[in-house]
N, C-alpha and C. Protein backbone atom coordinates (compact mmCIF):
# COMPACT_ATOMS: atom_id res chain seq x y z
N UNK A 1 1.12 -1.24 0.08
CA UNK A 1 0.07 0.13 0.08
C UNK A 1 0.91 1.38 0.07
N UNK A 2 2.23 1.22 0.73
CA UNK A 2 2.41 2.09 0.78
C UNK A 2 3.44 2.77 -1.08
N UNK A 3 4.06 2.40 -1.64
CA UNK A 3 4.34 1.76 -2.94
C UNK A 3 3.09 2.77 -3.50
N UNK A 4 2.11 1.97 -3.68
CA UNK A 4 1.02 3.12 -4.29
C UNK A 4 1.12 4.64 -3.96
N UNK A 5 0.98 4.67 -2.36
CA UNK A 5 0.54 6.12 -2.09
C UNK A 5 1.65 6.77 -2.19
N UNK A 6 3.31 6.98 -2.99
CA UNK A 6 4.52 6.90 -3.15
C UNK A 6 4.18 7.34 -4.86
N UNK A 7 3.66 6.19 -5.44
CA UNK A 7 3.20 6.35 -7.02
C UNK A 7 2.39 8.07 -7.30
N UNK A 8 0.57 7.83 -5.97
CA UNK A 8 0.01 8.49 -6.15
C UNK A 8 0.76 9.78 -5.97
N UNK A 9 1.22 10.33 -5.18
CA UNK A 9 1.44 11.72 -4.46
C UNK A 9 2.57 12.20 -6.19
N UNK A 10 3.98 10.89 -6.66
CA UNK A 10 4.40 11.65 -7.50
C UNK A 10 3.89 11.79 -9.22
N UNK A 11 2.47 11.20 -8.92
CA UNK A 11 0.75 11.43 -10.23
C UNK A 11 0.84 12.13 -9.91
N UNK A 12 -0.16 13.54 -8.64
CA UNK A 12 -0.39 14.04 -8.20
C UNK A 12 0.50 15.53 -8.42
N UNK A 13 1.88 15.45 -8.15
CA UNK A 13 3.09 16.92 -7.96
C UNK A 13 3.02 16.52 -9.99
N UNK A 14 2.99 15.38 -10.61
CA UNK A 14 3.01 15.93 -12.36
C UNK A 14 2.24 16.08 -12.74
N UNK A 15 1.00 15.64 -12.27
CA UNK A 15 -0.20 16.46 -12.87
C UNK A 15 -0.05 17.21 -12.53
N UNK A 16 0.13 18.45 -11.21
CA UNK A 16 -0.01 19.82 -10.63
C UNK A 16 1.39 20.49 -11.91
N UNK A 17 2.29 19.54 -12.25
CA UNK A 17 3.18 20.47 -12.97
C UNK A 17 2.87 21.24 -14.32
N UNK A 18 2.01 19.47 -14.71
CA UNK A 18 1.42 19.40 -16.27
C UNK A 18 0.77 21.33 -16.51
N UNK A 19 -0.33 20.65 -15.37
CA UNK A 19 -1.89 21.81 -15.82
C UNK A 19 -0.84 23.26 -15.19
N UNK A 20 -0.02 23.62 -14.45
CA UNK A 20 1.01 24.14 -14.03
C UNK A 20 1.62 25.15 -15.47
N UNK A 21 1.71 24.19 -16.16
CA UNK A 21 2.83 24.99 -17.53
C UNK A 21 1.53 24.91 -18.67
N UNK A 22 0.73 24.21 -18.95
CA UNK A 22 -0.66 24.79 -19.48
C UNK A 22 -1.12 25.81 -19.22
N UNK A 23 -1.11 26.51 -17.95
CA UNK A 23 -1.32 27.45 -17.64
C UNK A 23 -0.52 29.13 -18.15
N UNK A 24 0.48 28.30 -17.76
CA UNK A 24 1.90 29.32 -18.39
C UNK A 24 1.82 29.39 -20.35
N UNK A 25 1.42 27.88 -20.81
CA UNK A 25 1.64 28.11 -21.84
C UNK A 25 0.13 29.19 -22.97
N UNK A 26 -1.02 28.95 -21.95
CA UNK A 26 -1.98 29.31 -22.62
C UNK A 26 -2.00 31.40 -22.17
N UNK A 27 -1.36 31.19 -21.28
CA UNK A 27 -0.92 33.04 -21.03
C UNK A 27 0.41 33.66 -22.24
N UNK A 28 0.45 32.93 -22.47
CA UNK A 28 1.90 33.26 -23.09
C UNK A 28 1.35 32.89 -24.80
N UNK A 29 0.50 33.13 -24.97
CA UNK A 29 -0.36 32.64 -26.36
C UNK A 29 -1.46 34.09 -26.11
N UNK A 30 -1.80 34.51 -24.84
CA UNK A 30 -2.11 35.65 -24.96
C UNK A 30 -1.68 36.89 -25.25
N UNK A 31 -0.66 36.65 -24.27
CA UNK A 31 0.45 37.67 -24.92
C UNK A 31 0.80 38.76 -26.04
N UNK A 32 1.28 36.55 -26.21
CA UNK A 32 1.42 37.23 -28.25
C UNK A 32 0.36 38.29 -28.69
N UNK A 33 -0.44 36.98 -28.60
CA UNK A 33 -1.92 38.06 -29.38
C UNK A 33 -2.43 39.45 -29.07
N UNK A 34 -1.93 40.06 -28.33
CA UNK A 34 -2.47 40.63 -27.23
C UNK A 34 -2.65 41.99 -28.38
N UNK A 35 -3.59 42.90 -28.16
CA UNK A 35 -3.93 44.17 -28.83
C UNK A 35 -3.56 44.71 -27.80
N UNK A 36 -4.22 44.89 -26.57
CA UNK A 36 -4.32 45.98 -26.08
C UNK A 36 -3.23 45.45 -24.46
N UNK A 37 -3.47 46.67 -23.58
CA UNK A 37 -3.08 46.50 -22.18
C UNK A 37 -2.99 45.66 -21.38
N UNK A 38 -4.45 44.70 -21.59
CA UNK A 38 -4.76 43.81 -20.50
C UNK A 38 -5.63 42.73 -20.80
N UNK A 39 -5.54 41.35 -20.69
CA UNK A 39 -5.84 40.12 -21.17
C UNK A 39 -7.00 39.40 -19.54
N UNK A 40 -7.97 39.39 -19.92
CA UNK A 40 -8.90 38.99 -18.85
C UNK A 40 -9.03 37.31 -19.36
N UNK A 41 -9.08 36.28 -18.21
CA UNK A 41 -9.55 35.55 -18.75
C UNK A 41 -10.14 34.54 -17.00
N UNK A 42 -10.96 33.52 -17.43
CA UNK A 42 -11.56 32.81 -16.03
C UNK A 42 -10.28 31.72 -16.58
N UNK A 43 -10.68 30.88 -15.28
CA UNK A 43 -10.04 29.56 -15.49
C UNK A 43 -10.48 28.07 -15.68
N UNK A 44 -12.12 28.54 -15.91
CA UNK A 44 -12.74 27.86 -17.18
C UNK A 44 -12.33 27.84 -18.95
N UNK A 45 -11.81 28.68 -19.14
CA UNK A 45 -10.92 28.77 -20.19
C UNK A 45 -9.81 28.20 -20.32
N UNK A 46 -8.91 27.84 -19.27
CA UNK A 46 -7.41 27.37 -19.58
C UNK A 46 -8.06 26.12 -19.35
N UNK A 47 -8.98 25.49 -18.79
CA UNK A 47 -9.60 24.35 -18.10
C UNK A 47 -9.98 23.24 -19.61
N UNK A 48 -10.24 24.48 -20.69
CA UNK A 48 -10.94 24.18 -22.09
C UNK A 48 -9.35 23.13 -22.83
N UNK A 49 -8.28 24.29 -22.66
CA UNK A 49 -7.40 24.18 -23.34
C UNK A 49 -6.85 22.47 -22.66
N UNK A 50 -6.89 22.36 -21.16
CA UNK A 50 -6.73 21.59 -20.86
C UNK A 50 -7.72 20.24 -21.60
N UNK A 51 -8.57 20.17 -21.83
CA UNK A 51 -9.41 19.10 -22.47
C UNK A 51 -8.88 18.90 -23.39
N UNK A 52 -8.59 19.91 -24.56
CA UNK A 52 -6.92 19.00 -25.54
C UNK A 52 -6.54 17.22 -25.26
N UNK A 53 -5.98 17.57 -23.76
CA UNK A 53 -5.04 16.54 -23.47
C UNK A 53 -6.16 15.65 -22.75
N UNK A 54 -7.02 15.10 -22.86
CA UNK A 54 -7.94 14.63 -21.70
C UNK A 54 -8.86 15.28 -20.77
N UNK A 55 -9.97 14.67 -20.76
CA UNK A 55 -10.56 15.21 -20.10
C UNK A 55 -10.53 14.62 -18.62
N UNK A 56 -10.39 13.27 -18.38
CA UNK A 56 -10.07 12.66 -16.86
C UNK A 56 -10.23 13.89 -16.06
N UNK A 57 -10.86 13.75 -15.10
CA UNK A 57 -10.53 14.63 -14.12
C UNK A 57 -10.69 15.92 -13.86
N UNK A 58 -11.34 16.38 -14.87
CA UNK A 58 -11.20 17.88 -15.85
C UNK A 58 -11.36 19.58 -14.25
N UNK A 59 -12.74 18.94 -13.54
CA UNK A 59 -13.30 19.31 -12.70
C UNK A 59 -11.54 19.38 -11.41
N UNK A 60 -11.30 18.33 -11.61
CA UNK A 60 -10.15 18.62 -10.35
C UNK A 60 -9.44 19.82 -10.71
N UNK A 61 -9.23 19.09 -11.87
CA UNK A 61 -7.80 19.97 -12.87
C UNK A 61 -8.03 21.73 -12.42
N UNK A 62 -9.79 22.04 -12.92
CA UNK A 62 -10.44 23.46 -12.30
C UNK A 62 -9.24 23.95 -11.32
N UNK A 63 -9.76 23.11 -10.28
CA UNK A 63 -9.54 23.30 -8.72
C UNK A 63 -8.14 23.55 -8.84
N UNK A 64 -6.89 23.05 -9.33
CA UNK A 64 -5.73 23.21 -9.32
C UNK A 64 -5.00 24.64 -10.30
N UNK A 65 -5.45 24.62 -11.29
CA UNK A 65 -6.00 26.13 -11.86
C UNK A 65 -5.98 27.02 -11.38
N UNK A 66 -7.32 27.43 -10.74
CA UNK A 66 -7.51 28.48 -9.88
C UNK A 66 -6.76 28.98 -8.48
N UNK A 67 -6.05 27.39 -8.69
CA UNK A 67 -5.03 28.27 -7.00
C UNK A 67 -3.96 28.56 -7.52
N UNK A 68 -3.23 28.04 -8.28
CA UNK A 68 -2.01 28.96 -8.42
C UNK A 68 -2.26 30.28 -9.12
N UNK A 69 -3.63 30.04 -9.95
CA UNK A 69 -4.15 31.95 -10.58
C UNK A 69 -4.28 32.47 -9.54
N UNK A 70 -4.81 31.65 -8.43
CA UNK A 70 -4.96 32.70 -6.76
C UNK A 70 -3.63 32.49 -6.44
N UNK A 71 -2.44 31.94 -6.27
CA UNK A 71 -1.22 32.30 -5.80
C UNK A 71 -0.39 33.01 -6.69
N UNK A 72 -0.52 33.59 -8.22
CA UNK A 72 -0.36 34.38 -8.22
C UNK A 72 -0.63 35.71 -8.25
N UNK A 73 -1.70 35.78 -7.91
CA UNK A 73 -2.87 36.70 -7.99
C UNK A 73 -1.69 38.03 -6.48
N UNK A 74 -1.99 36.54 -5.38
CA UNK A 74 -1.00 36.60 -3.90
C UNK A 74 0.41 37.03 -3.83
N UNK A 75 1.11 36.78 -5.41
CA UNK A 75 2.21 37.05 -5.22
C UNK A 75 2.43 38.57 -5.99
N UNK A 76 1.39 38.93 -6.87
CA UNK A 76 1.80 40.37 -7.50
C UNK A 76 1.84 40.09 -9.14
N UNK A 77 1.57 39.11 -9.58
CA UNK A 77 1.47 38.78 -10.83
C UNK A 77 0.85 39.05 -11.65
N UNK A 78 -0.76 38.82 -11.64
CA UNK A 78 -2.07 38.58 -12.16
C UNK A 78 -3.06 39.58 -10.76
N UNK A 79 -4.00 39.73 -11.75
CA UNK A 79 -5.41 41.06 -10.99
C UNK A 79 -6.74 39.94 -10.92
N UNK A 80 -7.46 40.46 -9.74
CA UNK A 80 -8.87 39.70 -10.23
C UNK A 80 -9.42 41.01 -10.80
N UNK A 81 -9.96 40.84 -11.74
CA UNK A 81 -10.48 42.19 -12.61
C UNK A 81 -12.02 41.72 -11.83
N UNK A 82 -12.98 41.19 -11.32
CA UNK A 82 -14.42 41.17 -11.27
C UNK A 82 -14.52 39.25 -11.02
N UNK A 83 -15.11 39.36 -9.75
CA UNK A 83 -16.20 38.33 -8.80
C UNK A 83 -17.12 38.72 -9.24
N UNK A 84 -18.09 37.66 -9.72
CA UNK A 84 -18.88 36.95 -10.12
C UNK A 84 -19.54 35.61 -9.53
N UNK A 85 -20.91 35.23 -9.65
CA UNK A 85 -21.75 33.96 -9.55
C UNK A 85 -20.71 33.21 -10.19
N UNK A 86 -20.21 33.25 -11.15
CA UNK A 86 -19.54 32.45 -12.27
C UNK A 86 -18.00 32.70 -12.28
N UNK A 87 -17.33 32.42 -10.81
CA UNK A 87 -16.59 32.91 -10.13
C UNK A 87 -15.68 34.29 -10.91
N UNK A 88 -13.97 33.69 -10.53
CA UNK A 88 -13.68 35.36 -11.14
C UNK A 88 -12.89 35.60 -12.10
N UNK A 89 -12.60 36.42 -13.02
CA UNK A 89 -12.08 37.16 -14.39
C UNK A 89 -10.77 37.41 -13.41
N UNK A 90 -9.64 36.98 -13.50
CA UNK A 90 -8.32 37.43 -13.59
C UNK A 90 -7.75 37.95 -15.22
N UNK A 91 -6.82 39.07 -14.72
CA UNK A 91 -6.37 39.76 -15.02
C UNK A 91 -4.94 39.67 -15.38
N UNK A 92 -4.15 40.18 -16.75
CA UNK A 92 -2.47 40.43 -16.72
C UNK A 92 -1.97 41.04 -17.02
N UNK A 93 -1.88 41.98 -16.44
CA UNK A 93 -1.41 43.66 -17.82
C UNK A 93 0.12 43.76 -18.38
N UNK A 94 -0.01 44.28 -19.24
CA UNK A 94 1.19 44.56 -20.05
C UNK A 94 2.34 45.09 -19.21
N UNK A 95 1.51 45.56 -18.64
CA UNK A 95 2.97 46.60 -17.17
C UNK A 95 3.81 45.66 -16.26
N UNK A 96 3.03 44.51 -16.59
CA UNK A 96 3.18 43.56 -15.21
C UNK A 96 4.43 42.90 -15.40
N UNK A 97 5.12 42.56 -14.44
CA UNK A 97 6.40 41.30 -14.32
C UNK A 97 6.09 40.09 -15.45
N UNK A 98 4.78 39.71 -14.48
CA UNK A 98 4.69 37.95 -15.41
C UNK A 98 4.93 38.08 -17.60
N UNK A 99 3.79 39.19 -17.69
CA UNK A 99 4.33 39.30 -18.87
C UNK A 99 5.28 39.27 -19.52
N UNK A 100 6.46 40.01 -18.71
CA UNK A 100 7.82 40.62 -19.36
C UNK A 100 8.56 39.06 -19.34
N UNK A 101 7.90 38.25 -18.21
CA UNK A 101 8.30 36.96 -18.68
C UNK A 101 7.88 36.24 -19.73
N UNK A 102 7.05 36.03 -20.00
CA UNK A 102 6.09 35.42 -20.77
C UNK A 102 6.35 35.92 -22.28
N UNK A 103 7.35 36.85 -22.99
CA UNK A 103 7.45 37.72 -23.79
C UNK A 103 8.70 37.11 -23.92
N UNK A 104 9.80 36.95 -22.49
CA UNK A 104 11.21 36.86 -22.49
C UNK A 104 11.35 35.22 -22.89
N UNK A 105 11.04 34.51 -21.93
CA UNK A 105 11.25 33.22 -21.63
C UNK A 105 10.58 31.98 -22.56
N UNK A 106 11.08 30.90 -22.11
CA UNK A 106 10.10 29.89 -22.46
C UNK A 106 9.46 29.64 -21.38
N UNK A 107 7.92 28.25 -21.31
CA UNK A 107 7.45 28.15 -20.63
C UNK A 107 7.86 27.57 -19.94
N UNK A 108 8.93 26.25 -19.52
CA UNK A 108 10.05 25.58 -18.54
C UNK A 108 10.62 26.65 -17.39
N UNK A 109 11.00 27.74 -18.70
CA UNK A 109 12.11 28.77 -17.73
C UNK A 109 11.34 29.89 -16.94
N UNK A 110 10.34 29.86 -17.52
CA UNK A 110 9.10 30.63 -16.60
C UNK A 110 8.58 30.14 -15.77
N UNK A 111 7.85 28.52 -14.84
CA UNK A 111 8.21 27.81 -14.40
C UNK A 111 9.32 28.38 -13.47
N UNK A 112 10.32 27.83 -13.59
CA UNK A 112 11.63 27.67 -13.38
C UNK A 112 11.07 29.31 -12.49
N UNK A 113 11.45 29.76 -12.81
CA UNK A 113 12.00 31.12 -12.20
C UNK A 113 10.39 31.55 -11.00
N UNK A 114 9.59 31.24 -11.35
CA UNK A 114 8.11 31.25 -10.38
C UNK A 114 8.73 30.46 -9.06
N UNK A 115 9.10 29.39 -9.34
CA UNK A 115 9.36 28.49 -8.42
C UNK A 115 10.47 28.67 -7.83
N UNK A 116 11.69 29.37 -8.04
CA UNK A 116 12.75 29.11 -7.32
C UNK A 116 12.29 30.82 -6.22
N UNK A 117 11.49 31.74 -6.57
CA UNK A 117 10.66 33.12 -6.60
C UNK A 117 10.18 32.13 -5.30
N UNK A 118 9.47 31.58 -5.21
CA UNK A 118 8.68 31.09 -3.83
C UNK A 118 9.33 30.34 -3.15
N UNK A 119 10.28 29.90 -2.82
CA UNK A 119 11.16 29.30 -1.83
C UNK A 119 12.15 30.37 -1.29
N UNK A 120 12.43 31.42 -2.13
CA UNK A 120 13.19 32.36 -1.52
C UNK A 120 12.57 33.00 -1.01
């Protein structure tokens, strides 16, 4: 039974990294195609991109996406633009430091930078 828990924890950690990676890729695509100074999005929009890779546990993955986005809000990378019955609408400003990272670096490097800042 202990081996199963170890495999499950590894799988959970891998899944979390994969979801964060898809989230950053989504934001990079949005930033590259942006015409204005603000990009708005909901976690469900990112989850739609995730559904391309499989619908298994999509609701649980939306929770992980929301947690990651809330962490980015807490750290000042993105903002909550609006709260409604359908949930939060998040915003990414062109003047923000995350936008600069999205334009300068590849997805994995951005995640590495975000993780290293979290540790400090």
